[in-house]
Each structure stands twice: as structure tokens, then as C-alpha cells.
Amino acid sequence: MTESVVRAVDKNAERWRWLLYVALALAGAMLTFVGARAQQRAAEDTAFRKLIDGYCGLVFYDVAPFAYHSWKEYHDGVQTAILNNAASIKLTAGKDLRVTRRGLIAWTTVPMHLAEKTKEGKTMELDLRYTGIWEKRGASWVLVHEHLSTPLAGN
């Protein structure tokens, strides 16, 4: 081989080596990004699990009447319709929490279980579906809308 051919082969090999280094660096960067995103997602899921569990400690009901027109009306209506007759009420979030986030908005879905014991000793158990819409305001997530429903009989 002539000297010019050897130089051309060496130059070509050097280019391929450089491309290999760039490809390895990009692959490493992508793996780092994917790992960091997975850690961030796990941390967010943990944060929302705490928010949901905290929510279950704050029992709110608005089944009847259909609408309240003030916080006082809400308080008085719930007190009369539900709380006056309850010896205990417990709302528990299930394990199957789903969190979907788009920018400053996130929505959560989770099955819940409601257990109530009346002052007369009757018990009621009800499985619920919960959806919460959250907005990030500063460093905190704020619940801006929620919906509870119950599966139809037989579902």
C-alpha cells in the first residue's frame, strides 16, 4: 500500500472511532436522563400518595342535596344528613394509585373504600372510584377538582 492509502485508511478509522465515542456518550446521556426521569416520577408518585392519604383523613360528602350554595349550607347539610347519625366514618385509599402529569396539572385516580358505622350500630361499606385534578402552585400541589363515584351494582 502506498503512504497516501495508509493515511486515508487511518483517517477513516479515526472518524469511525470518533463516531463511536459520540454514540457512546449520547447513549450514556440518554440512560442518565431516563434514570433521572424514573426517579422523579417515583418521587412524584410518593408525594401524591401522601396527598391522597391526607385527603382520606378529610371526609367530605355532597351526595344530597344535589347542590349547596355556600360553605355554611354545605356544613349544615352534611352535618344533618350524614354526620349527626354517624358513630364513625373511615375513607381509605387503595393501592392502585395512578398519577398522570402534564406541566403544572396532574390528575390522580385511585379506588377508595368507605366504611361507616351509625350510632344505631348499623354498618355500611362502599367501594368508590376517586379522580382528583391537581394544580401546582409554587412548591405545593393544590386539589382544584375532585370526583367520587361508585360502580353500578354488579360491576
C-alpha atoms as a PDB file:
ATOM      1  CA  MET A   1       0.000   0.000   0.000  1.00  0.00           C
ATOM      2  CA  THR A   2       1.108   3.462  -0.683  1.00  0.00           C
ATOM      3  CA  GLU A   3       1.567   6.027   2.026  1.00  0.00           C
ATOM      4  CA  SER A   4      -1.462   8.066   0.872  1.00  0.00           C
ATOM      5  CA  VAL A   5      -3.693   4.969   1.042  1.00  0.00           C
ATOM      6  CA  VAL A   6      -2.445   4.168   4.561  1.00  0.00           C
ATOM      7  CA  ARG A   7      -3.163   7.775   5.660  1.00  0.00           C
ATOM      8  CA  ALA A   8      -6.666   7.593   4.166  1.00  0.00           C
ATOM      9  CA  VAL A   9      -7.380   4.289   5.980  1.00  0.00           C
ATOM     10  CA  ASP A  10      -6.055   5.737   9.270  1.00  0.00           C
ATOM     11  CA  LYS A  11      -8.157   8.885   8.802  1.00  0.00           C
ATOM     12  CA  ASN A  12     -11.268   6.780   8.082  1.00  0.00           C
ATOM     13  CA  ALA A  13     -10.613   4.610  11.150  1.00  0.00           C
ATOM     14  CA  GLU A  14     -10.194   7.771  13.251  1.00  0.00           C
ATOM     15  CA  ARG A  15     -13.574   9.085  12.056  1.00  0.00           C
ATOM     16  CA  TRP A  16     -15.274   5.820  12.939  1.00  0.00           C
ATOM     17  CA  ARG A  17     -13.630   5.825  16.370  1.00  0.00           C
ATOM     18  CA  TRP A  18     -14.807   9.411  16.935  1.00  0.00           C
ATOM     19  CA  LEU A  19     -18.371   8.487  15.844  1.00  0.00           C
ATOM     20  CA  LEU A  20     -18.301   5.513  18.229  1.00  0.00           C
ATOM     21  CA  TYR A  21     -17.260   7.795  21.128  1.00  0.00           C
ATOM     22  CA  VAL A  22     -20.045  10.258  20.283  1.00  0.00           C
ATOM     23  CA  ALA A  23     -22.604   7.426  20.053  1.00  0.00           C
ATOM     24  CA  LEU A  24     -21.473   6.027  23.429  1.00  0.00           C
ATOM     25  CA  ALA A  25     -21.650   9.487  25.012  1.00  0.00           C
ATOM     26  CA  LEU A  26     -25.185  10.003  23.658  1.00  0.00           C
ATOM     27  CA  ALA A  27     -26.265   6.562  24.881  1.00  0.00           C
ATOM     28  CA  GLY A  28     -24.851   7.338  28.341  1.00  0.00           C
ATOM     29  CA  ALA A  29     -26.633  10.682  28.416  1.00  0.00           C
ATOM     30  CA  MET A  30     -29.926   9.050  27.419  1.00  0.00           C
ATOM     31  CA  LEU A  31     -29.582   6.384  30.111  1.00  0.00           C
ATOM     32  CA  THR A  32     -28.865   9.087  32.683  1.00  0.00           C
ATOM     33  CA  PHE A  33     -31.909  11.093  31.532  1.00  0.00           C
ATOM     34  CA  VAL A  34     -34.201   8.038  31.619  1.00  0.00           C
ATOM     35  CA  GLY A  35     -32.936   7.077  35.079  1.00  0.00           C
ATOM     36  CA  ALA A  36     -33.386  10.618  36.412  1.00  0.00           C
ATOM     37  CA  ARG A  37     -36.905  10.800  34.952  1.00  0.00           C
ATOM     38  CA  ALA A  38     -37.795   7.460  36.564  1.00  0.00           C
ATOM     39  CA  GLN A  39     -36.534   8.727  39.945  1.00  0.00           C
ATOM     40  CA  GLN A  40     -38.509  11.963  39.533  1.00  0.00           C
ATOM     41  CA  ARG A  41     -41.647  10.007  38.642  1.00  0.00           C
ATOM     42  CA  ALA A  42     -41.218   7.733  41.686  1.00  0.00           C
ATOM     43  CA  ALA A  43     -40.786  10.798  43.921  1.00  0.00           C
ATOM     44  CA  GLU A  44     -43.914  12.419  42.433  1.00  0.00           C
ATOM     45  CA  ASP A  45     -45.923   9.228  42.908  1.00  0.00           C
ATOM     46  CA  THR A  46     -44.799   9.120  46.556  1.00  0.00           C
ATOM     47  CA  ALA A  47     -45.785  12.784  47.011  1.00  0.00           C
ATOM     48  CA  PHE A  48     -49.231  12.158  45.524  1.00  0.00           C
ATOM     49  CA  ARG A  49     -49.665   9.037  47.683  1.00  0.00           C
ATOM     50  CA  LYS A  50     -49.143  11.281  50.748  1.00  0.00           C
ATOM     51  CA  LEU A  51     -51.621  13.848  49.387  1.00  0.00           C
ATOM     52  CA  ILE A  52     -54.244  11.161  48.700  1.00  0.00           C
ATOM     53  CA  ASP A  53     -53.773   9.549  52.118  1.00  0.00           C
ATOM     54  CA  GLY A  54     -54.098  13.003  53.713  1.00  0.00           C
ATOM     55  CA  TYR A  55     -57.261  13.600  51.699  1.00  0.00           C
ATOM     56  CA  CYS A  56     -58.772  10.418  53.148  1.00  0.00           C
ATOM     57  CA  GLY A  57     -58.437  11.972  56.591  1.00  0.00           C
ATOM     58  CA  LEU A  58     -60.634  14.874  55.497  1.00  0.00           C
ATOM     59  CA  VAL A  59     -64.070  13.416  54.942  1.00  0.00           C
ATOM     60  CA  PHE A  60     -66.318  15.497  52.668  1.00  0.00           C
ATOM     61  CA  TYR A  61     -69.724  14.420  51.430  1.00  0.00           C
ATOM     62  CA  ASP A  62     -72.067  16.099  48.991  1.00  0.00           C
ATOM     63  CA  VAL A  63     -74.384  13.332  47.921  1.00  0.00           C
ATOM     64  CA  ALA A  64     -77.602  15.046  48.947  1.00  0.00           C
ATOM     65  CA  PRO A  65     -78.801  17.605  48.282  1.00  0.00           C
ATOM     66  CA  PHE A  66     -77.518  17.971  44.762  1.00  0.00           C
ATOM     67  CA  ALA A  67     -76.079  21.440  45.335  1.00  0.00           C
ATOM     68  CA  TYR A  68     -75.000  23.665  48.190  1.00  0.00           C
ATOM     69  CA  HIS A  69     -74.905  27.408  47.726  1.00  0.00           C
ATOM     70  CA  SER A  70     -72.463  28.330  50.487  1.00  0.00           C
ATOM     71  CA  TRP A  71     -69.954  26.747  52.848  1.00  0.00           C
ATOM     72  CA  LYS A  72     -72.425  27.224  55.709  1.00  0.00           C
ATOM     73  CA  GLU A  73     -75.135  25.434  53.749  1.00  0.00           C
ATOM     74  CA  TYR A  74     -72.644  22.664  52.943  1.00  0.00           C
ATOM     75  CA  HIS A  75     -71.553  22.314  56.574  1.00  0.00           C
ATOM     76  CA  ASP A  76     -75.106  22.299  57.913  1.00  0.00           C
ATOM     77  CA  GLY A  77     -76.374  19.898  55.222  1.00  0.00           C
ATOM     78  CA  VAL A  78     -73.601  17.363  55.717  1.00  0.00           C
ATOM     79  CA  GLN A  79     -73.905  17.621  59.493  1.00  0.00           C
ATOM     80  CA  THR A  80     -77.639  16.879  59.350  1.00  0.00           C
ATOM     81  CA  ALA A  81     -77.695  14.301  56.551  1.00  0.00           C
ATOM     82  CA  ILE A  82     -74.604  12.282  57.458  1.00  0.00           C
ATOM     83  CA  LEU A  83     -72.525  13.220  60.465  1.00  0.00           C
ATOM     84  CA  ASN A  84     -75.270  13.503  63.116  1.00  0.00           C
ATOM     85  CA  ASN A  85     -76.108   9.813  62.667  1.00  0.00           C
ATOM     86  CA  ALA A  86     -72.529   8.507  62.297  1.00  0.00           C
ATOM     87  CA  ALA A  87     -70.569   6.922  65.117  1.00  0.00           C
ATOM     88  CA  SER A  88     -67.556   6.559  62.819  1.00  0.00           C
ATOM     89  CA  ILE A  89     -66.639   7.124  59.188  1.00  0.00           C
ATOM     90  CA  LYS A  90     -63.424   5.946  57.566  1.00  0.00           C
ATOM     91  CA  LEU A  91     -62.269   6.554  53.993  1.00  0.00           C
ATOM     92  CA  THR A  92     -59.239   4.574  52.810  1.00  0.00           C
ATOM     93  CA  ALA A  93     -57.352   4.911  49.515  1.00  0.00           C
ATOM     94  CA  GLY A  94     -56.495   1.694  47.695  1.00  0.00           C
ATOM     95  CA  LYS A  95     -53.037   0.730  46.497  1.00  0.00           C
ATOM     96  CA  ASP A  96     -53.705   1.216  42.776  1.00  0.00           C
ATOM     97  CA  LEU A  97     -52.895   4.945  42.579  1.00  0.00           C
ATOM     98  CA  ARG A  98     -52.340   6.313  39.066  1.00  0.00           C
ATOM     99  CA  VAL A  99     -50.722   9.726  38.552  1.00  0.00           C
ATOM    100  CA  THR A 100     -50.595  11.488  35.175  1.00  0.00           C
ATOM    101  CA  ARG A 101     -48.854  14.840  34.941  1.00  0.00           C
ATOM    102  CA  ARG A 102     -48.756  17.466  32.208  1.00  0.00           C
ATOM    103  CA  GLY A 103     -46.768  20.520  33.253  1.00  0.00           C
ATOM    104  CA  LEU A 104     -48.423  22.186  36.241  1.00  0.00           C
ATOM    105  CA  ILE A 105     -51.543  19.974  36.070  1.00  0.00           C
ATOM    106  CA  ALA A 106     -51.801  16.396  37.318  1.00  0.00           C
ATOM    107  CA  TRP A 107     -54.681  14.012  37.719  1.00  0.00           C
ATOM    108  CA  THR A 108     -54.893  11.076  40.054  1.00  0.00           C
ATOM    109  CA  THR A 109     -57.182   8.087  40.074  1.00  0.00           C
ATOM    110  CA  VAL A 110     -57.424   5.600  42.899  1.00  0.00           C
ATOM    111  CA  PRO A 111     -60.031   3.194  44.228  1.00  0.00           C
ATOM    112  CA  MET A 112     -61.259   4.025  47.742  1.00  0.00           C
ATOM    113  CA  HIS A 113     -63.237   2.238  50.411  1.00  0.00           C
ATOM    114  CA  LEU A 114     -65.765   3.938  52.687  1.00  0.00           C
ATOM    115  CA  ALA A 115     -66.768   2.319  55.968  1.00  0.00           C
ATOM    116  CA  GLU A 116     -69.445   3.913  58.148  1.00  0.00           C
ATOM    117  CA  LYS A 117     -70.933   2.792  61.429  1.00  0.00           C
ATOM    118  CA  THR A 118     -74.091   4.536  62.584  1.00  0.00           C
ATOM    119  CA  LYS A 119     -74.943   5.391  66.166  1.00  0.00           C
ATOM    120  CA  GLU A 120     -77.569   2.616  65.999  1.00  0.00           C
ATOM    121  CA  GLY A 121     -74.819   0.086  65.198  1.00  0.00           C
ATOM    122  CA  LYS A 122     -75.567  -0.413  61.504  1.00  0.00           C
ATOM    123  CA  THR A 123     -72.591  -0.616  59.163  1.00  0.00           C
ATOM    124  CA  MET A 124     -72.243   0.431  55.551  1.00  0.00           C
ATOM    125  CA  GLU A 125     -69.308  -0.424  53.288  1.00  0.00           C
ATOM    126  CA  LEU A 126     -68.918   1.114  49.869  1.00  0.00           C
ATOM    127  CA  ASP A 127     -66.221   0.910  47.199  1.00  0.00           C
ATOM    128  CA  LEU A 128     -65.606   4.187  45.373  1.00  0.00           C
ATOM    129  CA  ARG A 129     -63.665   5.467  42.405  1.00  0.00           C
ATOM    130  CA  TYR A 130     -61.797   8.724  43.009  1.00  0.00           C
ATOM    131  CA  THR A 131     -60.429  11.205  40.477  1.00  0.00           C
ATOM    132  CA  GLY A 132     -58.542  14.311  41.608  1.00  0.00           C
ATOM    133  CA  ILE A 133     -57.315  17.183  39.453  1.00  0.00           C
ATOM    134  CA  TRP A 134     -54.292  18.954  40.952  1.00  0.00           C
ATOM    135  CA  GLU A 135     -52.554  22.218  40.067  1.00  0.00           C
ATOM    136  CA  LYS A 136     -49.010  23.022  41.107  1.00  0.00           C
ATOM    137  CA  ARG A 137     -48.918  26.440  42.782  1.00  0.00           C
ATOM    138  CA  GLY A 138     -45.417  27.361  43.863  1.00  0.00           C
ATOM    139  CA  ALA A 139     -43.957  24.340  45.626  1.00  0.00           C
ATOM    140  CA  SER A 140     -47.327  22.785  46.523  1.00  0.00           C
ATOM    141  CA  TRP A 141     -49.954  20.741  44.713  1.00  0.00           C
ATOM    142  CA  VAL A 142     -53.482  22.068  45.264  1.00  0.00           C
ATOM    143  CA  LEU A 143     -56.607  19.984  44.670  1.00  0.00           C
ATOM    144  CA  VAL A 144     -58.758  22.032  42.267  1.00  0.00           C
ATOM    145  CA  HIS A 145     -61.405  19.446  41.356  1.00  0.00           C
ATOM    146  CA  GLU A 146     -62.416  16.003  42.519  1.00  0.00           C
ATOM    147  CA  HIS A 147     -64.965  13.396  41.692  1.00  0.00           C
ATOM    148  CA  LEU A 148     -66.138  10.334  43.601  1.00  0.00           C
ATOM    149  CA  SER A 149     -68.371   7.703  42.049  1.00  0.00           C
ATOM    150  CA  THR A 150     -69.450   4.208  42.877  1.00  0.00           C
ATOM    151  CA  PRO A 151     -69.621   1.299  40.463  1.00  0.00           C
ATOM    152  CA  LEU A 152     -73.131   0.248  39.436  1.00  0.00           C
ATOM    153  CA  ALA A 153     -74.474  -2.903  41.067  1.00  0.00           C
ATOM    154  CA  GLY A 154     -72.923  -5.976  39.514  1.00  0.00           C
ATOM    155  CA  ASN A 155     -69.830  -4.157  38.188  1.00  0.00           C
END
